[in-house]
Amino acid sequence: MRDFINATLGFPALAEKTSIHAKTLHKMLGPKGNPTAANLFRILACLQEQEGIRLQVRAARAVA
């Protein structure tokens, strides 16, 4: 996700749009990061809006 952020709007712009400090974003999305669900969804919503995409989660069917 860090690469995607760097390739699109960048951490400073994401920090401004999400009201989460840039250093905090770097820590949350680092190898030992542990973002809350609220922060993760705020980041994803911002990225979706920026790129004009819509992410979906679907359950996979079990194959017998």
PDB file of N, CA and C in Angstrom:
ATOM      1  N   MET A   1       0.813  -1.175   0.000  1.00  0.00           N
ATOM      2  CA  MET A   1       0.000   0.000   0.000  1.00  0.00           C
ATOM      3  C   MET A   1       0.870   1.257   0.000  1.00  0.00           C
ATOM      4  N   ARG A   2       2.007   1.181   0.678  1.00  0.00           N
ATOM      5  CA  ARG A   2       2.910   2.347   0.704  1.00  0.00           C
ATOM      6  C   ARG A   2       3.359   2.723  -0.703  1.00  0.00           C
ATOM      7  N   ASP A   3       3.672   1.717  -1.519  1.00  0.00           N
ATOM      8  CA  ASP A   3       4.086   1.995  -2.899  1.00  0.00           C
ATOM      9  C   ASP A   3       2.955   2.643  -3.685  1.00  0.00           C
ATOM     10  N   PHE A   4       1.743   2.172  -3.493  1.00  0.00           N
ATOM     11  CA  PHE A   4       0.589   2.739  -4.182  1.00  0.00           C
ATOM     12  C   PHE A   4       0.389   4.199  -3.786  1.00  0.00           C
ATOM     13  N   ILE A   5       0.504   4.483  -2.496  1.00  0.00           N
ATOM     14  CA  ILE A   5       0.350   5.858  -2.011  1.00  0.00           C
ATOM     15  C   ILE A   5       1.433   6.745  -2.609  1.00  0.00           C
ATOM     16  N   ASN A   6       2.667   6.280  -2.584  1.00  0.00           N
ATOM     17  CA  ASN A   6       3.765   7.065  -3.164  1.00  0.00           C
ATOM     18  C   ASN A   6       3.578   7.294  -4.656  1.00  0.00           C
ATOM     19  N   ALA A   7       3.020   6.316  -5.367  1.00  0.00           N
ATOM     20  CA  ALA A   7       2.845   6.428  -6.817  1.00  0.00           C
ATOM     21  C   ALA A   7       1.637   7.284  -7.200  1.00  0.00           C
ATOM     22  N   THR A   8       0.730   7.520  -6.264  1.00  0.00           N
ATOM     23  CA  THR A   8      -0.463   8.286  -6.601  1.00  0.00           C
ATOM     24  C   THR A   8      -0.409   9.668  -5.957  1.00  0.00           C
ATOM     25  N   LEU A   9      -1.055   9.863  -4.830  1.00  0.00           N
ATOM     26  CA  LEU A   9      -1.128  11.202  -4.269  1.00  0.00           C
ATOM     27  C   LEU A   9      -0.004  11.541  -3.313  1.00  0.00           C
ATOM     28  N   GLY A  10       0.688  10.557  -2.755  1.00  0.00           N
ATOM     29  CA  GLY A  10       1.791  10.807  -1.834  1.00  0.00           C
ATOM     30  C   GLY A  10       1.315  10.955  -0.393  1.00  0.00           C
ATOM     31  N   PHE A  11       2.229  10.758   0.530  1.00  0.00           N
ATOM     32  CA  PHE A  11       1.890  10.791   1.951  1.00  0.00           C
ATOM     33  C   PHE A  11       1.486  12.179   2.444  1.00  0.00           C
ATOM     34  N   PRO A  12       2.141  13.262   2.013  1.00  0.00           N
ATOM     35  CA  PRO A  12       1.704  14.578   2.504  1.00  0.00           C
ATOM     36  C   PRO A  12       0.256  14.902   2.132  1.00  0.00           C
ATOM     37  N   ALA A  13      -0.134  14.609   0.896  1.00  0.00           N
ATOM     38  CA  ALA A  13      -1.513  14.881   0.466  1.00  0.00           C
ATOM     39  C   ALA A  13      -2.491  13.956   1.178  1.00  0.00           C
ATOM     40  N   LEU A  14      -2.107  12.693   1.355  1.00  0.00           N
ATOM     41  CA  LEU A  14      -2.971  11.746   2.075  1.00  0.00           C
ATOM     42  C   LEU A  14      -3.155  12.203   3.519  1.00  0.00           C
ATOM     43  N   ALA A  15      -2.090  12.677   4.123  1.00  0.00           N
ATOM     44  CA  ALA A  15      -2.164  13.173   5.506  1.00  0.00           C
ATOM     45  C   ALA A  15      -3.147  14.337   5.599  1.00  0.00           C
ATOM     46  N   GLU A  16      -3.096  15.233   4.639  1.00  0.00           N
ATOM     47  CA  GLU A  16      -3.998  16.383   4.638  1.00  0.00           C
ATOM     48  C   GLU A  16      -5.449  15.948   4.454  1.00  0.00           C
ATOM     49  N   LYS A  17      -5.683  15.020   3.546  1.00  0.00           N
ATOM     50  CA  LYS A  17      -7.049  14.576   3.253  1.00  0.00           C
ATOM     51  C   LYS A  17      -7.651  13.726   4.368  1.00  0.00           C
ATOM     52  N   THR A  18      -6.827  12.975   5.086  1.00  0.00           N
ATOM     53  CA  THR A  18      -7.335  12.088   6.139  1.00  0.00           C
ATOM     54  C   THR A  18      -7.230  12.688   7.536  1.00  0.00           C
ATOM     55  N   SER A  19      -6.543  13.806   7.660  1.00  0.00           N
ATOM     56  CA  SER A  19      -6.280  14.425   8.968  1.00  0.00           C
ATOM     57  C   SER A  19      -5.472  13.509   9.883  1.00  0.00           C
ATOM     58  N   ILE A  20      -4.621  12.691   9.271  1.00  0.00           N
ATOM     59  CA  ILE A  20      -3.697  11.825  10.011  1.00  0.00           C
ATOM     60  C   ILE A  20      -2.293  12.291   9.647  1.00  0.00           C
ATOM     61  N   HIS A  21      -1.477  12.583  10.634  1.00  0.00           N
ATOM     62  CA  HIS A  21      -0.128  13.097  10.392  1.00  0.00           C
ATOM     63  C   HIS A  21       0.654  12.144   9.485  1.00  0.00           C
ATOM     64  N   ALA A  22       1.476  12.694   8.592  1.00  0.00           N
ATOM     65  CA  ALA A  22       2.237  11.891   7.629  1.00  0.00           C
ATOM     66  C   ALA A  22       3.128  10.859   8.314  1.00  0.00           C
ATOM     67  N   LYS A  23       3.786  11.236   9.405  1.00  0.00           N
ATOM     68  CA  LYS A  23       4.641  10.281  10.120  1.00  0.00           C
ATOM     69  C   LYS A  23       3.822   9.139  10.697  1.00  0.00           C
ATOM     70  N   THR A  24       2.635   9.454  11.170  1.00  0.00           N
ATOM     71  CA  THR A  24       1.745   8.424  11.710  1.00  0.00           C
ATOM     72  C   THR A  24       1.327   7.471  10.603  1.00  0.00           C
ATOM     73  N   LEU A  25       1.023   8.000   9.418  1.00  0.00           N
ATOM     74  CA  LEU A  25       0.672   7.154   8.276  1.00  0.00           C
ATOM     75  C   LEU A  25       1.813   6.214   7.927  1.00  0.00           C
ATOM     76  N   HIS A  26       3.034   6.749   7.897  1.00  0.00           N
ATOM     77  CA  HIS A  26       4.206   5.917   7.586  1.00  0.00           C
ATOM     78  C   HIS A  26       4.341   4.774   8.596  1.00  0.00           C
ATOM     79  N   LYS A  27       4.169   5.086   9.873  1.00  0.00           N
ATOM     80  CA  LYS A  27       4.280   4.048  10.908  1.00  0.00           C
ATOM     81  C   LYS A  27       3.163   3.018  10.785  1.00  0.00           C
ATOM     82  N   MET A  28       1.933   3.495  10.589  1.00  0.00           N
ATOM     83  CA  MET A  28       0.781   2.590  10.484  1.00  0.00           C
ATOM     84  C   MET A  28       0.935   1.617   9.334  1.00  0.00           C
ATOM     85  N   LEU A  29       1.479   2.092   8.225  1.00  0.00           N
ATOM     86  CA  LEU A  29       1.553   1.283   7.018  1.00  0.00           C
ATOM     87  C   LEU A  29       2.919   0.634   6.829  1.00  0.00           C
ATOM     88  N   GLY A  30       3.759   0.711   7.856  1.00  0.00           N
ATOM     89  CA  GLY A  30       5.071   0.085   7.813  1.00  0.00           C
ATOM     90  C   GLY A  30       4.978  -1.396   8.152  1.00  0.00           C
ATOM     91  N   PRO A  31       6.111  -2.090   8.107  1.00  0.00           N
ATOM     92  CA  PRO A  31       6.137  -3.528   8.362  1.00  0.00           C
ATOM     93  C   PRO A  31       5.587  -3.933   9.735  1.00  0.00           C
ATOM     94  N   LYS A  32       5.775  -3.094  10.734  1.00  0.00           N
ATOM     95  CA  LYS A  32       5.280  -3.411  12.079  1.00  0.00           C
ATOM     96  C   LYS A  32       4.062  -2.573  12.438  1.00  0.00           C
ATOM     97  N   GLY A  33       3.468  -1.936  11.440  1.00  0.00           N
ATOM     98  CA  GLY A  33       2.312  -1.080  11.675  1.00  0.00           C
ATOM     99  C   GLY A  33       1.076  -1.879  12.039  1.00  0.00           C
ATOM    100  N   ASN A  34       0.172  -1.212  12.729  1.00  0.00           N
ATOM    101  CA  ASN A  34      -1.062  -1.859  13.155  1.00  0.00           C
ATOM    102  C   ASN A  34      -2.176  -0.808  13.160  1.00  0.00           C
ATOM    103  N   PRO A  35      -2.648  -0.398  11.970  1.00  0.00           N
ATOM    104  CA  PRO A  35      -3.671   0.656  11.933  1.00  0.00           C
ATOM    105  C   PRO A  35      -5.005   0.156  12.473  1.00  0.00           C
ATOM    106  N   THR A  36      -5.746   1.064  13.064  1.00  0.00           N
ATOM    107  CA  THR A  36      -7.099   0.703  13.487  1.00  0.00           C
ATOM    108  C   THR A  36      -7.956   0.541  12.231  1.00  0.00           C
ATOM    109  N   ALA A  37      -9.061  -0.146  12.372  1.00  0.00           N
ATOM    110  CA  ALA A  37      -9.971  -0.327  11.240  1.00  0.00           C
ATOM    111  C   ALA A  37     -10.465   1.032  10.754  1.00  0.00           C
ATOM    112  N   ALA A  38     -10.760   1.925  11.673  1.00  0.00           N
ATOM    113  CA  ALA A  38     -11.260   3.256  11.299  1.00  0.00           C
ATOM    114  C   ALA A  38     -10.239   3.995  10.441  1.00  0.00           C
ATOM    115  N   ASN A  39      -8.973   3.976  10.852  1.00  0.00           N
ATOM    116  CA  ASN A  39      -7.937   4.658  10.070  1.00  0.00           C
ATOM    117  C   ASN A  39      -7.703   3.980   8.734  1.00  0.00           C
ATOM    118  N   LEU A  40      -7.700   2.659   8.714  1.00  0.00           N
ATOM    119  CA  LEU A  40      -7.495   1.931   7.468  1.00  0.00           C
ATOM    120  C   LEU A  40      -8.607   2.234   6.474  1.00  0.00           C
ATOM    121  N   PHE A  41      -9.857   2.242   6.941  1.00  0.00           N
ATOM    122  CA  PHE A  41     -10.977   2.541   6.053  1.00  0.00           C
ATOM    123  C   PHE A  41     -10.960   3.991   5.597  1.00  0.00           C
ATOM    124  N   ARG A  42     -10.501   4.898   6.451  1.00  0.00           N
ATOM    125  CA  ARG A  42     -10.379   6.310   6.056  1.00  0.00           C
ATOM    126  C   ARG A  42      -9.348   6.447   4.936  1.00  0.00           C
ATOM    127  N   ILE A  43      -8.225   5.738   5.063  1.00  0.00           N
ATOM    128  CA  ILE A  43      -7.175   5.760   4.042  1.00  0.00           C
ATOM    129  C   ILE A  43      -7.695   5.157   2.735  1.00  0.00           C
ATOM    130  N   LEU A  44      -8.337   3.997   2.829  1.00  0.00           N
ATOM    131  CA  LEU A  44      -8.868   3.340   1.630  1.00  0.00           C
ATOM    132  C   LEU A  44      -9.916   4.204   0.934  1.00  0.00           C
ATOM    133  N   ALA A  45     -10.785   4.851   1.692  1.00  0.00           N
ATOM    134  CA  ALA A  45     -11.809   5.719   1.104  1.00  0.00           C
ATOM    135  C   ALA A  45     -11.157   6.869   0.346  1.00  0.00           C
ATOM    136  N   CYS A  46     -10.128   7.442   0.925  1.00  0.00           N
ATOM    137  CA  CYS A  46      -9.425   8.543   0.276  1.00  0.00           C
ATOM    138  C   CYS A  46      -8.752   8.087  -1.012  1.00  0.00           C
ATOM    139  N   LEU A  47      -8.095   6.934  -0.972  1.00  0.00           N
ATOM    140  CA  LEU A  47      -7.421   6.409  -2.160  1.00  0.00           C
ATOM    141  C   LEU A  47      -8.422   6.060  -3.258  1.00  0.00           C
ATOM    142  N   GLN A  48      -9.565   5.496  -2.879  1.00  0.00           N
ATOM    143  CA  GLN A  48     -10.594   5.175  -3.864  1.00  0.00           C
ATOM    144  C   GLN A  48     -11.102   6.448  -4.537  1.00  0.00           C
ATOM    145  N   GLU A  49     -11.355   7.474  -3.749  1.00  0.00           N
ATOM    146  CA  GLU A  49     -11.836   8.738  -4.301  1.00  0.00           C
ATOM    147  C   GLU A  49     -10.793   9.362  -5.227  1.00  0.00           C
ATOM    148  N   GLN A  50      -9.551   9.349  -4.802  1.00  0.00           N
ATOM    149  CA  GLN A  50      -8.460   9.938  -5.588  1.00  0.00           C
ATOM    150  C   GLN A  50      -8.307   9.263  -6.947  1.00  0.00           C
ATOM    151  N   GLU A  51      -8.397   7.937  -6.964  1.00  0.00           N
ATOM    152  CA  GLU A  51      -8.143   7.180  -8.184  1.00  0.00           C
ATOM    153  C   GLU A  51      -9.407   6.836  -8.975  1.00  0.00           C
ATOM    154  N   GLY A  52     -10.565   7.148  -8.423  1.00  0.00           N
ATOM    155  CA  GLY A  52     -11.809   6.855  -9.117  1.00  0.00           C
ATOM    156  C   GLY A  52     -12.082   5.367  -9.238  1.00  0.00           C
ATOM    157  N   ILE A  53     -11.706   4.635  -8.198  1.00  0.00           N
ATOM    158  CA  ILE A  53     -11.930   3.184  -8.197  1.00  0.00           C
ATOM    159  C   ILE A  53     -12.830   2.816  -7.031  1.00  0.00           C
ATOM    160  N   ARG A  54     -13.347   1.605  -7.055  1.00  0.00           N
ATOM    161  CA  ARG A  54     -14.195   1.097  -5.977  1.00  0.00           C
ATOM    162  C   ARG A  54     -13.716  -0.306  -5.627  1.00  0.00           C
ATOM    163  N   LEU A  55     -13.225  -0.483  -4.406  1.00  0.00           N
ATOM    164  CA  LEU A  55     -12.769  -1.797  -3.970  1.00  0.00           C
ATOM    165  C   LEU A  55     -13.939  -2.582  -3.418  1.00  0.00           C
ATOM    166  N   GLN A  56     -13.938  -3.889  -3.674  1.00  0.00           N
ATOM    167  CA  GLN A  56     -14.978  -4.772  -3.158  1.00  0.00           C
ATOM    168  C   GLN A  56     -14.322  -5.994  -2.514  1.00  0.00           C
ATOM    169  N   VAL A  57     -14.973  -6.481  -1.482  1.00  0.00           N
ATOM    170  CA  VAL A  57     -14.528  -7.710  -0.825  1.00  0.00           C
ATOM    171  C   VAL A  57     -15.630  -8.736  -1.031  1.00  0.00           C
ATOM    172  N   ARG A  58     -15.249  -9.879  -1.537  1.00  0.00           N
ATOM    173  CA  ARG A  58     -16.220 -10.940  -1.767  1.00  0.00           C
ATOM    174  C   ARG A  58     -15.744 -12.211  -1.092  1.00  0.00           C
ATOM    175  N   ALA A  59     -16.687 -12.979  -0.593  1.00  0.00           N
ATOM    176  CA  ALA A  59     -16.369 -14.276   0.002  1.00  0.00           C
ATOM    177  C   ALA A  59     -16.161 -15.289  -1.118  1.00  0.00           C
ATOM    178  N   ALA A  60     -15.147 -16.098  -0.962  1.00  0.00           N
ATOM    179  CA  ALA A  60     -14.887 -17.147  -1.961  1.00  0.00           C
ATOM    180  C   ALA A  60     -15.748 -18.359  -1.644  1.00  0.00           C
ATOM    181  N   ARG A  61     -16.180 -19.021  -2.677  1.00  0.00           N
ATOM    182  CA  ARG A  61     -16.944 -20.253  -2.483  1.00  0.00           C
ATOM    183  C   ARG A  61     -15.990 -21.394  -2.169  1.00  0.00           C
ATOM    184  N   ALA A  62     -16.396 -22.211  -1.249  1.00  0.00           N
ATOM    185  CA  ALA A  62     -15.597 -23.393  -0.925  1.00  0.00           C
ATOM    186  C   ALA A  62     -15.719 -24.401  -2.052  1.00  0.00           C
ATOM    187  N   VAL A  63     -14.594 -24.964  -2.463  1.00  0.00           N
ATOM    188  CA  VAL A  63     -14.583 -25.971  -3.513  1.00  0.00           C
ATOM    189  C   VAL A  63     -14.480 -27.331  -2.837  1.00  0.00           C
ATOM    190  N   ALA A  64     -15.426 -28.195  -3.152  1.00  0.00           N
ATOM    191  CA  ALA A  64     -15.448 -29.511  -2.512  1.00  0.00           C
ATOM    192  C   ALA A  64     -14.629 -30.523  -3.284  1.00  0.00           C
TER     193      ALA A  64
END
